[in-house]
Amino acid sequence: MIKIIAAYLGTGLTMLVLDAIWLTQMIPRLYRPRIGELLAEKPSPAPAVVFYLLYVAGIVLLAVLPALREGGWKRLLIHAAAFGLVAYATYDLTNQATMKTWSTTITLVDMAWGTFITTVSASAGFAAARWALTR
């Protein structure tokens, strides 16, 4: 149980810090110029909290725990990158297919960001879980 808690906290804290930096820097530079009319003035906290809780659980369940059980770093990196790419692609490509105004640039940048942040966050969770196992 301690490894799961450590994995969740390591993954979640890393993701929150990275995403906070990303969003504060990129909303005015990337998102607002391209899809500003779609953006709320202020984000709604409740859906954001639910997203982070679920997404971090998905990272731990689908990338961190299998890597701890079976494969180590290589498995972790492959599963985390794939999960991040697919999750962010689902959002962005669905928006691009269904909305009148959606930027291909945002789709491509978001997919790259999703792959990166998921992989880095999963790596932090994996390291935290391995550290917890040695205590």
C-alpha atoms as a PDB file:
ATOM      1  CA  MET A   1       0.000   0.000   0.000  1.00  0.00           C
ATOM      2  CA  ILE A   2       2.853   2.399   0.774  1.00  0.00           C
ATOM      3  CA  LYS A   3       4.218   2.026  -2.759  1.00  0.00           C
ATOM      4  CA  ILE A   4       0.830   2.977  -4.231  1.00  0.00           C
ATOM      5  CA  ILE A   5       0.543   6.042  -2.002  1.00  0.00           C
ATOM      6  CA  ALA A   6       4.110   7.080  -2.825  1.00  0.00           C
ATOM      7  CA  ALA A   7       3.506   6.502  -6.542  1.00  0.00           C
ATOM      8  CA  TYR A   8       0.294   8.538  -6.470  1.00  0.00           C
ATOM      9  CA  LEU A   9       1.804  11.429  -4.512  1.00  0.00           C
ATOM     10  CA  GLY A  10       5.006  11.523  -6.574  1.00  0.00           C
ATOM     11  CA  THR A  11       3.074  11.409  -9.827  1.00  0.00           C
ATOM     12  CA  GLY A  12       0.427  13.890  -8.729  1.00  0.00           C
ATOM     13  CA  LEU A  13       2.708  16.505  -7.226  1.00  0.00           C
ATOM     14  CA  THR A  14       4.974  16.430 -10.260  1.00  0.00           C
ATOM     15  CA  MET A  15       2.055  16.751 -12.637  1.00  0.00           C
ATOM     16  CA  LEU A  16       0.519  19.642 -10.685  1.00  0.00           C
ATOM     17  CA  VAL A  17       3.758  21.628 -10.610  1.00  0.00           C
ATOM     18  CA  LEU A  18       4.554  21.055 -14.280  1.00  0.00           C
ATOM     19  CA  ASP A  19       1.011  21.742 -15.450  1.00  0.00           C
ATOM     20  CA  ALA A  20       0.756  24.910 -13.348  1.00  0.00           C
ATOM     21  CA  ILE A  21       3.935  26.218 -14.982  1.00  0.00           C
ATOM     22  CA  TRP A  22       2.738  25.140 -18.433  1.00  0.00           C
ATOM     23  CA  LEU A  23      -0.707  26.658 -18.149  1.00  0.00           C
ATOM     24  CA  THR A  24       0.415  29.980 -16.687  1.00  0.00           C
ATOM     25  CA  GLN A  25       2.978  30.375 -19.462  1.00  0.00           C
ATOM     26  CA  MET A  26       1.063  28.926 -22.400  1.00  0.00           C
ATOM     27  CA  ILE A  27      -2.500  30.181 -21.958  1.00  0.00           C
ATOM     28  CA  PRO A  28      -1.537  33.730 -22.972  1.00  0.00           C
ATOM     29  CA  ARG A  29       1.008  32.631 -25.593  1.00  0.00           C
ATOM     30  CA  LEU A  30      -0.620  29.611 -27.256  1.00  0.00           C
ATOM     31  CA  TYR A  31      -4.218  29.035 -26.258  1.00  0.00           C
ATOM     32  CA  ARG A  32      -5.735  32.520 -25.955  1.00  0.00           C
ATOM     33  CA  PRO A  33      -4.472  33.744 -29.369  1.00  0.00           C
ATOM     34  CA  ARG A  34      -5.823  30.638 -31.130  1.00  0.00           C
ATOM     35  CA  ILE A  35      -8.972  29.660 -29.226  1.00  0.00           C
ATOM     36  CA  GLY A  36      -9.526  32.579 -26.888  1.00  0.00           C
ATOM     37  CA  GLU A  37     -13.241  32.773 -27.623  1.00  0.00           C
ATOM     38  CA  LEU A  38     -13.626  29.230 -26.255  1.00  0.00           C
ATOM     39  CA  LEU A  39     -11.769  29.853 -22.992  1.00  0.00           C
ATOM     40  CA  ALA A  40     -13.418  30.765 -19.718  1.00  0.00           C
ATOM     41  CA  GLU A  41     -12.082  33.840 -17.964  1.00  0.00           C
ATOM     42  CA  LYS A  42     -11.236  31.668 -14.947  1.00  0.00           C
ATOM     43  CA  PRO A  43     -10.982  27.871 -14.863  1.00  0.00           C
ATOM     44  CA  SER A  44     -13.625  25.978 -12.910  1.00  0.00           C
ATOM     45  CA  PRO A  45     -11.840  24.248 -10.012  1.00  0.00           C
ATOM     46  CA  ALA A  46     -14.162  21.234  -9.525  1.00  0.00           C
ATOM     47  CA  PRO A  47     -13.700  19.657 -12.983  1.00  0.00           C
ATOM     48  CA  ALA A  48      -9.958  20.388 -12.806  1.00  0.00           C
ATOM     49  CA  VAL A  49      -9.653  18.577  -9.465  1.00  0.00           C
ATOM     50  CA  VAL A  50     -11.616  15.592 -10.801  1.00  0.00           C
ATOM     51  CA  PHE A  51      -9.416  15.485 -13.901  1.00  0.00           C
ATOM     52  CA  TYR A  52      -6.165  15.483 -11.909  1.00  0.00           C
ATOM     53  CA  LEU A  53      -7.393  12.854  -9.442  1.00  0.00           C
ATOM     54  CA  LEU A  54      -8.536  10.538 -12.254  1.00  0.00           C
ATOM     55  CA  TYR A  55      -5.619  11.164 -14.580  1.00  0.00           C
ATOM     56  CA  VAL A  56      -3.004  10.564 -11.887  1.00  0.00           C
ATOM     57  CA  ALA A  57      -4.825   7.354 -10.920  1.00  0.00           C
ATOM     58  CA  GLY A  58      -4.694   6.302 -14.586  1.00  0.00           C
ATOM     59  CA  ILE A  59      -0.963   6.983 -14.781  1.00  0.00           C
ATOM     60  CA  VAL A  60      -0.299   4.976 -11.621  1.00  0.00           C
ATOM     61  CA  LEU A  61      -2.575   2.102 -12.638  1.00  0.00           C
ATOM     62  CA  LEU A  62      -1.520   1.837 -16.278  1.00  0.00           C
ATOM     63  CA  ALA A  63       2.156   2.830 -16.183  1.00  0.00           C
ATOM     64  CA  VAL A  64       3.718   2.964 -12.725  1.00  0.00           C
ATOM     65  CA  LEU A  65       2.362  -0.205 -11.105  1.00  0.00           C
ATOM     66  CA  PRO A  66       3.005  -2.481 -14.127  1.00  0.00           C
ATOM     67  CA  ALA A  67       6.565  -1.143 -14.310  1.00  0.00           C
ATOM     68  CA  LEU A  68       7.094  -1.799 -10.598  1.00  0.00           C
ATOM     69  CA  ARG A  69       5.794  -5.367 -10.970  1.00  0.00           C
ATOM     70  CA  GLU A  70       7.356  -6.423 -14.224  1.00  0.00           C
ATOM     71  CA  GLY A  71       9.553  -4.222 -16.221  1.00  0.00           C
ATOM     72  CA  GLY A  72      11.374  -1.339 -14.679  1.00  0.00           C
ATOM     73  CA  TRP A  73      12.160   1.940 -16.373  1.00  0.00           C
ATOM     74  CA  LYS A  74      11.827   0.877 -20.009  1.00  0.00           C
ATOM     75  CA  ARG A  75       8.310  -0.443 -19.489  1.00  0.00           C
ATOM     76  CA  LEU A  76       7.391   2.647 -17.475  1.00  0.00           C
ATOM     77  CA  LEU A  77       8.555   5.061 -20.158  1.00  0.00           C
ATOM     78  CA  ILE A  78       6.781   3.209 -22.972  1.00  0.00           C
ATOM     79  CA  HIS A  79       3.483   2.864 -21.088  1.00  0.00           C
ATOM     80  CA  ALA A  80       3.510   6.401 -19.707  1.00  0.00           C
ATOM     81  CA  ALA A  81       4.317   7.980 -23.065  1.00  0.00           C
ATOM     82  CA  ALA A  82       1.643   5.924 -24.812  1.00  0.00           C
ATOM     83  CA  PHE A  83      -0.960   6.763 -22.167  1.00  0.00           C
ATOM     84  CA  GLY A  84      -0.151  10.479 -22.328  1.00  0.00           C
ATOM     85  CA  LEU A  85      -0.217  10.575 -26.116  1.00  0.00           C
ATOM     86  CA  VAL A  86      -3.511   8.685 -26.392  1.00  0.00           C
ATOM     87  CA  ALA A  87      -5.236  10.644 -23.623  1.00  0.00           C
ATOM     88  CA  TYR A  88      -4.279  14.065 -24.941  1.00  0.00           C
ATOM     89  CA  ALA A  89      -4.891  13.009 -28.564  1.00  0.00           C
ATOM     90  CA  THR A  90      -8.390  11.890 -27.603  1.00  0.00           C
ATOM     91  CA  TYR A  91      -9.207  15.332 -26.275  1.00  0.00           C
ATOM     92  CA  ASP A  92      -7.536  17.380 -28.974  1.00  0.00           C
ATOM     93  CA  LEU A  93      -8.505  15.334 -32.006  1.00  0.00           C
ATOM     94  CA  THR A  94     -12.110  15.114 -30.813  1.00  0.00           C
ATOM     95  CA  ASN A  95     -12.155  18.899 -30.454  1.00  0.00           C
ATOM     96  CA  GLN A  96     -10.613  19.307 -33.876  1.00  0.00           C
ATOM     97  CA  ALA A  97     -13.207  16.980 -35.402  1.00  0.00           C
ATOM     98  CA  THR A  98     -16.245  18.530 -33.719  1.00  0.00           C
ATOM     99  CA  MET A  99     -15.613  22.244 -33.185  1.00  0.00           C
ATOM    100  CA  LYS A 100     -15.808  25.040 -35.707  1.00  0.00           C
ATOM    101  CA  THR A 101     -12.754  26.702 -34.217  1.00  0.00           C
ATOM    102  CA  TRP A 102      -9.855  24.494 -33.179  1.00  0.00           C
ATOM    103  CA  SER A 103      -6.199  24.925 -33.976  1.00  0.00           C
ATOM    104  CA  THR A 104      -4.046  22.181 -35.464  1.00  0.00           C
ATOM    105  CA  THR A 105      -1.119  23.832 -33.705  1.00  0.00           C
ATOM    106  CA  ILE A 106      -2.849  23.346 -30.352  1.00  0.00           C
ATOM    107  CA  THR A 107      -3.580  19.718 -31.200  1.00  0.00           C
ATOM    108  CA  LEU A 108       0.053  18.972 -32.017  1.00  0.00           C
ATOM    109  CA  VAL A 109       1.524  20.935 -29.111  1.00  0.00           C
ATOM    110  CA  ASP A 110      -0.970  19.447 -26.620  1.00  0.00           C
ATOM    111  CA  MET A 111      -0.242  15.910 -27.784  1.00  0.00           C
ATOM    112  CA  ALA A 112       3.476  16.490 -27.323  1.00  0.00           C
ATOM    113  CA  TRP A 113       2.852  18.106 -23.927  1.00  0.00           C
ATOM    114  CA  GLY A 114       0.604  15.244 -22.814  1.00  0.00           C
ATOM    115  CA  THR A 115       3.237  12.707 -23.759  1.00  0.00           C
ATOM    116  CA  PHE A 116       5.944  14.663 -21.939  1.00  0.00           C
ATOM    117  CA  ILE A 117       4.074  15.547 -18.736  1.00  0.00           C
ATOM    118  CA  THR A 118       2.671  12.042 -18.353  1.00  0.00           C
ATOM    119  CA  THR A 119       6.085  10.442 -18.826  1.00  0.00           C
ATOM    120  CA  VAL A 120       7.874  12.809 -16.443  1.00  0.00           C
ATOM    121  CA  SER A 121       5.120  12.548 -13.824  1.00  0.00           C
ATOM    122  CA  ALA A 122       5.056   8.751 -14.069  1.00  0.00           C
ATOM    123  CA  SER A 123       8.839   8.695 -13.699  1.00  0.00           C
ATOM    124  CA  ALA A 124       8.582  10.717 -10.497  1.00  0.00           C
ATOM    125  CA  GLY A 125       5.885   8.394  -9.184  1.00  0.00           C
ATOM    126  CA  PHE A 126       7.942   5.334 -10.094  1.00  0.00           C
ATOM    127  CA  ALA A 127      11.012   6.751  -8.339  1.00  0.00           C
ATOM    128  CA  ALA A 128       8.932   7.657  -5.266  1.00  0.00           C
ATOM    129  CA  ALA A 129       7.432   4.167  -5.085  1.00  0.00           C
ATOM    130  CA  ARG A 130      10.837   2.505  -5.418  1.00  0.00           C
ATOM    131  CA  TRP A 131      12.211   4.806  -2.733  1.00  0.00           C
ATOM    132  CA  ALA A 132       9.278   3.942  -0.443  1.00  0.00           C
ATOM    133  CA  LEU A 133       9.888   0.230  -0.964  1.00  0.00           C
ATOM    134  CA  THR A 134      13.445   0.563   0.345  1.00  0.00           C
ATOM    135  CA  ARG A 135      12.335   2.256   3.598  1.00  0.00           C
END
